[in-house]
mmCIF file of all heavy atoms, coordinates in Angstrom:
data_MODEL
# 
_entry.id   MODEL 
# 
loop_
_atom_site.group_PDB 
_atom_site.id 
_atom_site.type_symbol 
_atom_site.label_atom_id 
_atom_site.label_alt_id 
_atom_site.label_comp_id 
_atom_site.label_asym_id 
_atom_site.label_entity_id 
_atom_site.label_seq_id 
_atom_site.pdbx_PDB_ins_code 
_atom_site.Cartn_x 
_atom_site.Cartn_y 
_atom_site.Cartn_z 
_atom_site.occupancy 
_atom_site.B_iso_or_equiv 
_atom_site.pdbx_formal_charge 
_atom_site.auth_seq_id 
_atom_site.auth_comp_id 
_atom_site.auth_asym_id 
_atom_site.auth_atom_id 
_atom_site.pdbx_PDB_model_num 
ATOM 1   N N   . ASP A 1 1  ? -5.647  -54.507 11.380 1.00 0.00 ? 1  ASP A N   1 
ATOM 2   C CA  . ASP A 1 1  ? -6.629  -53.439 11.500 1.00 0.00 ? 1  ASP A CA  1 
ATOM 3   C C   . ASP A 1 1  ? -6.995  -53.232 12.972 1.00 0.00 ? 1  ASP A C   1 
ATOM 4   O O   . ASP A 1 1  ? -7.385  -54.179 13.673 1.00 0.00 ? 1  ASP A O   1 
ATOM 5   C CB  . ASP A 1 1  ? -7.873  -53.790 10.687 1.00 0.00 ? 1  ASP A CB  1 
ATOM 6   C CG  . ASP A 1 1  ? -8.931  -52.707 10.779 1.00 0.00 ? 1  ASP A CG  1 
ATOM 7   O OD1 . ASP A 1 1  ? -8.689  -51.606 10.260 1.00 0.00 ? 1  ASP A OD1 1 
ATOM 8   O OD2 . ASP A 1 1  ? -9.989  -52.976 11.394 1.00 0.00 ? 1  ASP A OD2 1 
ATOM 9   N N   . ALA A 1 2  ? -6.885  -51.985 13.450 1.00 0.00 ? 2  ALA A N   1 
ATOM 10  C CA  . ALA A 1 2  ? -7.129  -51.695 14.861 1.00 0.00 ? 2  ALA A CA  1 
ATOM 11  C C   . ALA A 1 2  ? -8.571  -52.019 15.265 1.00 0.00 ? 2  ALA A C   1 
ATOM 12  O O   . ALA A 1 2  ? -8.822  -52.511 16.369 1.00 0.00 ? 2  ALA A O   1 
ATOM 13  C CB  . ALA A 1 2  ? -6.804  -50.230 15.151 1.00 0.00 ? 2  ALA A CB  1 
ATOM 14  N N   . ALA A 1 3  ? -9.520  -51.746 14.374 1.00 0.00 ? 3  ALA A N   1 
ATOM 15  C CA  . ALA A 1 3  ? -10.928 -52.024 14.680 1.00 0.00 ? 3  ALA A CA  1 
ATOM 16  C C   . ALA A 1 3  ? -11.154 -53.530 14.837 1.00 0.00 ? 3  ALA A C   1 
ATOM 17  O O   . ALA A 1 3  ? -11.903 -53.977 15.721 1.00 0.00 ? 3  ALA A O   1 
ATOM 18  C CB  . ALA A 1 3  ? -11.828 -51.463 13.581 1.00 0.00 ? 3  ALA A CB  1 
ATOM 19  N N   . LEU A 1 4  ? -10.501 -54.331 13.992 1.00 0.00 ? 4  LEU A N   1 
ATOM 20  C CA  . LEU A 1 4  ? -10.629 -55.785 14.088 1.00 0.00 ? 4  LEU A CA  1 
ATOM 21  C C   . LEU A 1 4  ? -10.007 -56.291 15.388 1.00 0.00 ? 4  LEU A C   1 
ATOM 22  O O   . LEU A 1 4  ? -10.546 -57.190 16.041 1.00 0.00 ? 4  LEU A O   1 
ATOM 23  C CB  . LEU A 1 4  ? -9.963  -56.446 12.878 1.00 0.00 ? 4  LEU A CB  1 
ATOM 24  C CG  . LEU A 1 4  ? -10.048 -57.977 12.806 1.00 0.00 ? 4  LEU A CG  1 
ATOM 25  C CD1 . LEU A 1 4  ? -11.495 -58.444 12.726 1.00 0.00 ? 4  LEU A CD1 1 
ATOM 26  C CD2 . LEU A 1 4  ? -9.257  -58.493 11.595 1.00 0.00 ? 4  LEU A CD2 1 
ATOM 27  N N   . LEU A 1 5  ? -8.876  -55.698 15.795 1.00 0.00 ? 5  LEU A N   1 
ATOM 28  C CA  . LEU A 1 5  ? -8.247  -56.077 17.054 1.00 0.00 ? 5  LEU A CA  1 
ATOM 29  C C   . LEU A 1 5  ? -9.175  -55.782 18.232 1.00 0.00 ? 5  LEU A C   1 
ATOM 30  O O   . LEU A 1 5  ? -9.290  -56.583 19.168 1.00 0.00 ? 5  LEU A O   1 
ATOM 31  C CB  . LEU A 1 5  ? -6.921  -55.330 17.224 1.00 0.00 ? 5  LEU A CB  1 
ATOM 32  C CG  . LEU A 1 5  ? -5.768  -55.784 16.329 1.00 0.00 ? 5  LEU A CG  1 
ATOM 33  C CD1 . LEU A 1 5  ? -4.644  -54.769 16.341 1.00 0.00 ? 5  LEU A CD1 1 
ATOM 34  C CD2 . LEU A 1 5  ? -5.239  -57.148 16.771 1.00 0.00 ? 5  LEU A CD2 1 
ATOM 35  N N   . ALA A 1 6  ? -9.812  -54.625 18.191 1.00 0.00 ? 6  ALA A N   1 
ATOM 36  C CA  . ALA A 1 6  ? -10.739 -54.250 19.263 1.00 0.00 ? 6  ALA A CA  1 
ATOM 37  C C   . ALA A 1 6  ? -11.930 -55.202 19.311 1.00 0.00 ? 6  ALA A C   1 
ATOM 38  O O   . ALA A 1 6  ? -12.367 -55.636 20.394 1.00 0.00 ? 6  ALA A O   1 
ATOM 39  C CB  . ALA A 1 6  ? -11.205 -52.814 19.068 1.00 0.00 ? 6  ALA A CB  1 
ATOM 40  N N   . GLU A 1 7  ? -12.459 -55.547 18.138 1.00 0.00 ? 7  GLU A N   1 
ATOM 41  C CA  . GLU A 1 7  ? -13.607 -56.454 18.074 1.00 0.00 ? 7  GLU A CA  1 
ATOM 42  C C   . GLU A 1 7  ? -13.214 -57.842 18.563 1.00 0.00 ? 7  GLU A C   1 
ATOM 43  O O   . GLU A 1 7  ? -13.982 -58.508 19.280 1.00 0.00 ? 7  GLU A O   1 
ATOM 44  C CB  . GLU A 1 7  ? -14.135 -56.520 16.643 1.00 0.00 ? 7  GLU A CB  1 
ATOM 45  C CG  . GLU A 1 7  ? -15.483 -57.216 16.527 1.00 0.00 ? 7  GLU A CG  1 
ATOM 46  C CD  . GLU A 1 7  ? -16.039 -57.184 15.114 1.00 0.00 ? 7  GLU A CD  1 
ATOM 47  O OE1 . GLU A 1 7  ? -15.460 -56.474 14.250 1.00 0.00 ? 7  GLU A OE1 1 
ATOM 48  O OE2 . GLU A 1 7  ? -17.051 -57.875 14.864 1.00 0.00 ? 7  GLU A OE2 1 
ATOM 49  N N   . GLY A 1 8  ? -12.015 -58.284 18.203 1.00 0.00 ? 8  GLY A N   1 
ATOM 50  C CA  . GLY A 1 8  ? -11.535 -59.581 18.664 1.00 0.00 ? 8  GLY A CA  1 
ATOM 51  C C   . GLY A 1 8  ? -11.373 -59.618 20.172 1.00 0.00 ? 8  GLY A C   1 
ATOM 52  O O   . GLY A 1 8  ? -11.678 -60.622 20.813 1.00 0.00 ? 8  GLY A O   1 
ATOM 53  N N   . PHE A 1 9  ? -10.905 -58.502 20.764 1.00 0.00 ? 9  PHE A N   1 
ATOM 54  C CA  . PHE A 1 9  ? -10.758 -58.466 22.221 1.00 0.00 ? 9  PHE A CA  1 
ATOM 55  C C   . PHE A 1 9  ? -12.112 -58.480 22.910 1.00 0.00 ? 9  PHE A C   1 
ATOM 56  O O   . PHE A 1 9  ? -12.274 -59.078 23.982 1.00 0.00 ? 9  PHE A O   1 
ATOM 57  C CB  . PHE A 1 9  ? -9.965  -57.224 22.641 1.00 0.00 ? 9  PHE A CB  1 
ATOM 58  C CG  . PHE A 1 9  ? -9.587  -57.234 24.093 1.00 0.00 ? 9  PHE A CG  1 
ATOM 59  C CD1 . PHE A 1 9  ? -8.636  -58.117 24.566 1.00 0.00 ? 9  PHE A CD1 1 
ATOM 60  C CD2 . PHE A 1 9  ? -10.206 -56.372 24.990 1.00 0.00 ? 9  PHE A CD2 1 
ATOM 61  C CE1 . PHE A 1 9  ? -8.283  -58.144 25.916 1.00 0.00 ? 9  PHE A CE1 1 
ATOM 62  C CE2 . PHE A 1 9  ? -9.867  -56.387 26.330 1.00 0.00 ? 9  PHE A CE2 1 
ATOM 63  C CZ  . PHE A 1 9  ? -8.903  -57.280 26.794 1.00 0.00 ? 9  PHE A CZ  1 
ATOM 64  N N   . GLN A 1 10 ? -13.100 -57.846 22.277 1.00 0.00 ? 10 GLN A N   1 
ATOM 65  C CA  . GLN A 1 10 ? -14.456 -57.871 22.839 1.00 0.00 ? 10 GLN A CA  1 
ATOM 66  C C   . GLN A 1 10 ? -14.995 -59.309 22.863 1.00 0.00 ? 10 GLN A C   1 
ATOM 67  O O   . GLN A 1 10 ? -15.597 -59.751 23.850 1.00 0.00 ? 10 GLN A O   1 
ATOM 68  C CB  . GLN A 1 10 ? -15.374 -56.963 22.018 1.00 0.00 ? 10 GLN A CB  1 
ATOM 69  C CG  . GLN A 1 10 ? -16.781 -56.833 22.592 1.00 0.00 ? 10 GLN A CG  1 
ATOM 70  C CD  . GLN A 1 10 ? -17.638 -55.868 21.787 1.00 0.00 ? 10 GLN A CD  1 
ATOM 71  O OE1 . GLN A 1 10 ? -17.218 -55.369 20.744 1.00 0.00 ? 10 GLN A OE1 1 
ATOM 72  N NE2 . GLN A 1 10 ? -18.837 -55.606 22.269 1.00 0.00 ? 10 GLN A NE2 1 
ATOM 73  N N   . VAL A 1 11 ? -14.777 -60.050 21.793 1.00 0.00 ? 11 VAL A N   1 
ATOM 74  C CA  . VAL A 1 11 ? -15.195 -61.454 21.742 1.00 0.00 ? 11 VAL A CA  1 
ATOM 75  C C   . VAL A 1 11 ? -14.460 -62.249 22.815 1.00 0.00 ? 11 VAL A C   1 
ATOM 76  O O   . VAL A 1 11 ? -15.057 -63.094 23.504 1.00 0.00 ? 11 VAL A O   1 
ATOM 77  C CB  . VAL A 1 11 ? -14.918 -62.050 20.339 1.00 0.00 ? 11 VAL A CB  1 
ATOM 78  C CG1 . VAL A 1 11 ? -15.155 -63.558 20.343 1.00 0.00 ? 11 VAL A CG1 1 
ATOM 79  C CG2 . VAL A 1 11 ? -15.783 -61.359 19.289 1.00 0.00 ? 11 VAL A CG2 1 
ATOM 80  N N   . PHE A 1 12 ? -13.178 -61.981 22.972 1.00 0.00 ? 12 PHE A N   1 
ATOM 81  C CA  . PHE A 1 12 ? -12.364 -62.640 23.984 1.00 0.00 ? 12 PHE A CA  1 
ATOM 82  C C   . PHE A 1 12 ? -12.952 -62.415 25.385 1.00 0.00 ? 12 PHE A C   1 
ATOM 83  O O   . PHE A 1 12 ? -13.081 -63.353 26.179 1.00 0.00 ? 12 PHE A O   1 
ATOM 84  C CB  . PHE A 1 12 ? -10.939 -62.093 23.900 1.00 0.00 ? 12 PHE A CB  1 
ATOM 85  C CG  . PHE A 1 12 ? -10.063 -62.406 25.068 1.00 0.00 ? 12 PHE A CG  1 
ATOM 86  C CD1 . PHE A 1 12 ? -9.452  -63.637 25.202 1.00 0.00 ? 12 PHE A CD1 1 
ATOM 87  C CD2 . PHE A 1 12 ? -9.849  -61.441 26.055 1.00 0.00 ? 12 PHE A CD2 1 
ATOM 88  C CE1 . PHE A 1 12 ? -8.635  -63.916 26.290 1.00 0.00 ? 12 PHE A CE1 1 
ATOM 89  C CE2 . PHE A 1 12 ? -9.036  -61.716 27.142 1.00 0.00 ? 12 PHE A CE2 1 
ATOM 90  C CZ  . PHE A 1 12 ? -8.428  -62.946 27.259 1.00 0.00 ? 12 PHE A CZ  1 
ATOM 91  N N   . CYS A 1 13 ? -13.311 -61.169 25.676 1.00 0.00 ? 13 CYS A N   1 
ATOM 92  C CA  . CYS A 1 13 ? -13.873 -60.838 26.993 1.00 0.00 ? 13 CYS A CA  1 
ATOM 93  C C   . CYS A 1 13 ? -15.228 -61.531 27.202 1.00 0.00 ? 13 CYS A C   1 
ATOM 94  O O   . CYS A 1 13 ? -15.503 -62.088 28.276 1.00 0.00 ? 13 CYS A O   1 
ATOM 95  C CB  . CYS A 1 13 ? -14.017 -59.330 27.147 1.00 0.00 ? 13 CYS A CB  1 
ATOM 96  S SG  . CYS A 1 13 ? -12.434 -58.459 27.337 1.00 0.00 ? 13 CYS A SG  1 
ATOM 97  N N   . GLN A 1 14 ? -16.056 -61.492 26.172 1.00 0.00 ? 14 GLN A N   1 
ATOM 98  C CA  . GLN A 1 14 ? -17.380 -62.126 26.280 1.00 0.00 ? 14 GLN A CA  1 
ATOM 99  C C   . GLN A 1 14 ? -17.240 -63.633 26.489 1.00 0.00 ? 14 GLN A C   1 
ATOM 100 O O   . GLN A 1 14 ? -17.983 -64.237 27.258 1.00 0.00 ? 14 GLN A O   1 
ATOM 101 C CB  . GLN A 1 14 ? -18.195 -61.837 25.017 1.00 0.00 ? 14 GLN A CB  1 
ATOM 102 C CG  . GLN A 1 14 ? -18.612 -60.381 24.880 1.00 0.00 ? 14 GLN A CG  1 
ATOM 103 C CD  . GLN A 1 14 ? -19.227 -60.069 23.523 1.00 0.00 ? 14 GLN A CD  1 
ATOM 104 O OE1 . GLN A 1 14 ? -19.188 -60.888 22.606 1.00 0.00 ? 14 GLN A OE1 1 
ATOM 105 N NE2 . GLN A 1 14 ? -19.787 -58.868 23.393 1.00 0.00 ? 14 GLN A NE2 1 
ATOM 106 N N   . ARG A 1 15 ? -16.271 -64.239 25.834 1.00 0.00 ? 15 ARG A N   1 
ATOM 107 C CA  . ARG A 1 15 ? -16.063 -65.678 25.923 1.00 0.00 ? 15 ARG A CA  1 
ATOM 108 C C   . ARG A 1 15 ? -15.730 -66.113 27.349 1.00 0.00 ? 15 ARG A C   1 
ATOM 109 O O   . ARG A 1 15 ? -16.119 -67.195 27.799 1.00 0.00 ? 15 ARG A O   1 
ATOM 110 C CB  . ARG A 1 15 ? -14.940 -66.077 24.961 1.00 0.00 ? 15 ARG A CB  1 
ATOM 111 C CG  . ARG A 1 15 ? -14.665 -67.555 24.889 1.00 0.00 ? 15 ARG A CG  1 
ATOM 112 C CD  . ARG A 1 15 ? -13.460 -67.822 23.987 1.00 0.00 ? 15 ARG A CD  1 
ATOM 113 N NE  . ARG A 1 15 ? -13.725 -67.541 22.585 1.00 0.00 ? 15 ARG A NE  1 
ATOM 114 C CZ  . ARG A 1 15 ? -12.802 -67.629 21.626 1.00 0.00 ? 15 ARG A CZ  1 
ATOM 115 N NH1 . ARG A 1 15 ? -11.556 -67.979 21.945 1.00 0.00 ? 15 ARG A NH1 1 
ATOM 116 N NH2 . ARG A 1 15 ? -13.108 -67.351 20.370 1.00 0.00 ? 15 ARG A NH2 1 
ATOM 117 N N   . HIS A 1 16 ? -15.018 -65.243 28.088 1.00 0.00 ? 16 HIS A N   1 
ATOM 118 C CA  . HIS A 1 16 ? -14.537 -65.629 29.416 1.00 0.00 ? 16 HIS A CA  1 
ATOM 119 C C   . HIS A 1 16 ? -15.192 -64.840 30.549 1.00 0.00 ? 16 HIS A C   1 
ATOM 120 O O   . HIS A 1 16 ? -14.782 -64.986 31.707 1.00 0.00 ? 16 HIS A O   1 
ATOM 121 C CB  . HIS A 1 16 ? -13.013 -65.460 29.485 1.00 0.00 ? 16 HIS A CB  1 
ATOM 122 C CG  . HIS A 1 16 ? -12.277 -66.337 28.515 1.00 0.00 ? 16 HIS A CG  1 
ATOM 123 N ND1 . HIS A 1 16 ? -12.134 -67.686 28.694 1.00 0.00 ? 16 HIS A ND1 1 
ATOM 124 C CD2 . HIS A 1 16 ? -11.680 -66.042 27.322 1.00 0.00 ? 16 HIS A CD2 1 
ATOM 125 C CE1 . HIS A 1 16 ? -11.458 -68.199 27.680 1.00 0.00 ? 16 HIS A CE1 1 
ATOM 126 N NE2 . HIS A 1 16 ? -11.174 -67.218 26.825 1.00 0.00 ? 16 HIS A NE2 1 
ATOM 127 N N   . GLY A 1 17 ? -16.177 -64.019 30.218 1.00 0.00 ? 17 GLY A N   1 
ATOM 128 C CA  . GLY A 1 17 ? -16.872 -63.272 31.255 1.00 0.00 ? 17 GLY A CA  1 
ATOM 129 C C   . GLY A 1 17 ? -16.076 -62.117 31.821 1.00 0.00 ? 17 GLY A C   1 
ATOM 130 O O   . GLY A 1 17 ? -16.276 -61.712 32.977 1.00 0.00 ? 17 GLY A O   1 
ATOM 131 N N   . PHE A 1 18 ? -15.163 -61.566 31.015 1.00 0.00 ? 18 PHE A N   1 
ATOM 132 C CA  . PHE A 1 18 ? -14.381 -60.412 31.448 1.00 0.00 ? 18 PHE A CA  1 
ATOM 133 C C   . PHE A 1 18 ? -15.004 -59.125 30.913 1.00 0.00 ? 18 PHE A C   1 
ATOM 134 O O   . PHE A 1 18 ? -15.836 -59.152 30.005 1.00 0.00 ? 18 PHE A O   1 
ATOM 135 C CB  . PHE A 1 18 ? -12.939 -60.489 30.920 1.00 0.00 ? 18 PHE A CB  1 
ATOM 136 C CG  . PHE A 1 18 ? -12.161 -61.683 31.393 1.00 0.00 ? 18 PHE A CG  1 
ATOM 137 C CD1 . PHE A 1 18 ? -11.383 -62.413 30.508 1.00 0.00 ? 18 PHE A CD1 1 
ATOM 138 C CD2 . PHE A 1 18 ? -12.199 -62.071 32.725 1.00 0.00 ? 18 PHE A CD2 1 
ATOM 139 C CE1 . PHE A 1 18 ? -10.658 -63.511 30.931 1.00 0.00 ? 18 PHE A CE1 1 
ATOM 140 C CE2 . PHE A 1 18 ? -11.473 -63.175 33.164 1.00 0.00 ? 18 PHE A CE2 1 
ATOM 141 C CZ  . PHE A 1 18 ? -10.705 -63.894 32.268 1.00 0.00 ? 18 PHE A CZ  1 
ATOM 142 N N   . THR A 1 19 ? -14.543 -58.015 31.455 1.00 0.00 ? 19 THR A N   1 
ATOM 143 C CA  . THR A 1 19 ? -14.799 -56.700 30.866 1.00 0.00 ? 19 THR A CA  1 
ATOM 144 C C   . THR A 1 19 ? -13.443 -56.071 30.610 1.00 0.00 ? 19 THR A C   1 
ATOM 145 O O   . THR A 1 19 ? -12.448 -56.462 31.257 1.00 0.00 ? 19 THR A O   1 
ATOM 146 C CB  . THR A 1 19 ? -15.611 -55.800 31.813 1.00 0.00 ? 19 THR A CB  1 
ATOM 147 O OG1 . THR A 1 19 ? -14.799 -55.476 32.960 1.00 0.00 ? 19 THR A OG1 1 
ATOM 148 C CG2 . THR A 1 19 ? -16.906 -56.479 32.254 1.00 0.00 ? 19 THR A CG2 1 
ATOM 149 N N   . PRO A 1 20 ? -13.346 -55.100 29.703 1.00 0.00 ? 20 PRO A N   1 
ATOM 150 C CA  . PRO A 1 20 ? -12.047 -54.441 29.490 1.00 0.00 ? 20 PRO A CA  1 
ATOM 151 C C   . PRO A 1 20 ? -11.456 -53.877 30.774 1.00 0.00 ? 20 PRO A C   1 
ATOM 152 O O   . PRO A 1 20 ? -10.235 -53.793 30.920 1.00 0.00 ? 20 PRO A O   1 
ATOM 153 C CB  . PRO A 1 20 ? -12.378 -53.332 28.483 1.00 0.00 ? 20 PRO A CB  1 
ATOM 154 C CG  . PRO A 1 20 ? -13.560 -53.860 27.734 1.00 0.00 ? 20 PRO A CG  1 
ATOM 155 C CD  . PRO A 1 20 ? -14.359 -54.631 28.750 1.00 0.00 ? 20 PRO A CD  1 
ATOM 156 N N   . GLN A 1 21 ? -12.320 -53.512 31.735 1.00 0.00 ? 21 GLN A N   1 
ATOM 157 C CA  . GLN A 1 21 ? -11.849 -52.941 32.996 1.00 0.00 ? 21 GLN A CA  1 
ATOM 158 C C   . GLN A 1 21 ? -11.146 -53.990 33.869 1.00 0.00 ? 21 GLN A C   1 
ATOM 159 O O   . GLN A 1 21 ? -10.408 -53.645 34.800 1.00 0.00 ? 21 GLN A O   1 
ATOM 160 C CB  . GLN A 1 21 ? -13.021 -52.327 33.770 1.00 0.00 ? 21 GLN A CB  1 
ATOM 161 C CG  . GLN A 1 21 ? -13.599 -51.054 33.166 1.00 0.00 ? 21 GLN A CG  1 
ATOM 162 C CD  . GLN A 1 21 ? -14.353 -51.305 31.868 1.00 0.00 ? 21 GLN A CD  1 
ATOM 163 O OE1 . GLN A 1 21 ? -15.032 -52.325 31.739 1.00 0.00 ? 21 GLN A OE1 1 
ATOM 164 N NE2 . GLN A 1 21 ? -14.224 -50.388 30.916 1.00 0.00 ? 21 GLN A NE2 1 
ATOM 165 N N   . THR A 1 22 ? -11.397 -55.281 33.548 1.00 0.00 ? 22 THR A N   1 
ATOM 166 C CA  . THR A 1 22 ? -10.709 -56.350 34.294 1.00 0.00 ? 22 THR A CA  1 
ATOM 167 C C   . THR A 1 22 ? -9.202  -56.195 34.173 1.00 0.00 ? 22 THR A C   1 
ATOM 168 O O   . THR A 1 22 ? -8.455  -56.494 35.108 1.00 0.00 ? 22 THR A O   1 
ATOM 169 C CB  . THR A 1 22 ? -11.128 -57.737 33.743 1.00 0.00 ? 22 THR A CB  1 
ATOM 170 O OG1 . THR A 1 22 ? -12.541 -57.855 33.805 1.00 0.00 ? 22 THR A OG1 1 
ATOM 171 C CG2 . THR A 1 22 ? -10.465 -58.858 34.533 1.00 0.00 ? 22 THR A CG2 1 
ATOM 172 N N   . PHE A 1 23 ? -8.759  -55.695 33.008 1.00 0.00 ? 23 PHE A N   1 
ATOM 173 C CA  . PHE A 1 23 ? -7.329  -55.637 32.712 1.00 0.00 ? 23 PHE A CA  1 
ATOM 174 C C   . PHE A 1 23 ? -6.841  -54.199 32.859 1.00 0.00 ? 23 PHE A C   1 
ATOM 175 O O   . PHE A 1 23 ? -6.655  -53.468 31.883 1.00 0.00 ? 23 PHE A O   1 
ATOM 176 C CB  . PHE A 1 23 ? -7.071  -56.182 31.307 1.00 0.00 ? 23 PHE A CB  1 
ATOM 177 C CG  . PHE A 1 23 ? -7.632  -57.561 31.111 1.00 0.00 ? 23 PHE A CG  1 
ATOM 178 C CD1 . PHE A 1 23 ? -8.786  -57.765 30.360 1.00 0.00 ? 23 PHE A CD1 1 
ATOM 179 C CD2 . PHE A 1 23 ? -7.045  -58.653 31.726 1.00 0.00 ? 23 PHE A CD2 1 
ATOM 180 C CE1 . PHE A 1 23 ? -9.314  -59.026 30.186 1.00 0.00 ? 23 PHE A CE1 1 
ATOM 181 C CE2 . PHE A 1 23 ? -7.572  -59.932 31.560 1.00 0.00 ? 23 PHE A CE2 1 
ATOM 182 C CZ  . PHE A 1 23 ? -8.709  -60.124 30.811 1.00 0.00 ? 23 PHE A CZ  1 
ATOM 183 N N   . CYS A 1 24 ? -6.659  -53.816 34.122 1.00 0.00 ? 24 CYS A N   1 
ATOM 184 C CA  . CYS A 1 24 ? -6.261  -52.440 34.419 1.00 0.00 ? 24 CYS A CA  1 
ATOM 185 C C   . CYS A 1 24 ? -4.751  -52.251 34.380 1.00 0.00 ? 24 CYS A C   1 
ATOM 186 O O   . CYS A 1 24 ? -4.254  -51.129 34.500 1.00 0.00 ? 24 CYS A O   1 
ATOM 187 C CB  . CYS A 1 24 ? -6.813  -52.020 35.778 1.00 0.00 ? 24 CYS A CB  1 
ATOM 188 S SG  . CYS A 1 24 ? -6.289  -53.121 37.131 1.00 0.00 ? 24 CYS A SG  1 
# 
């Protein structure tokens, strides 16, 4: 599910102090 993938990536970023913009 695309929404679950997006939510999982958000958790991933929060866990390591990243933002989606980190990965340009």
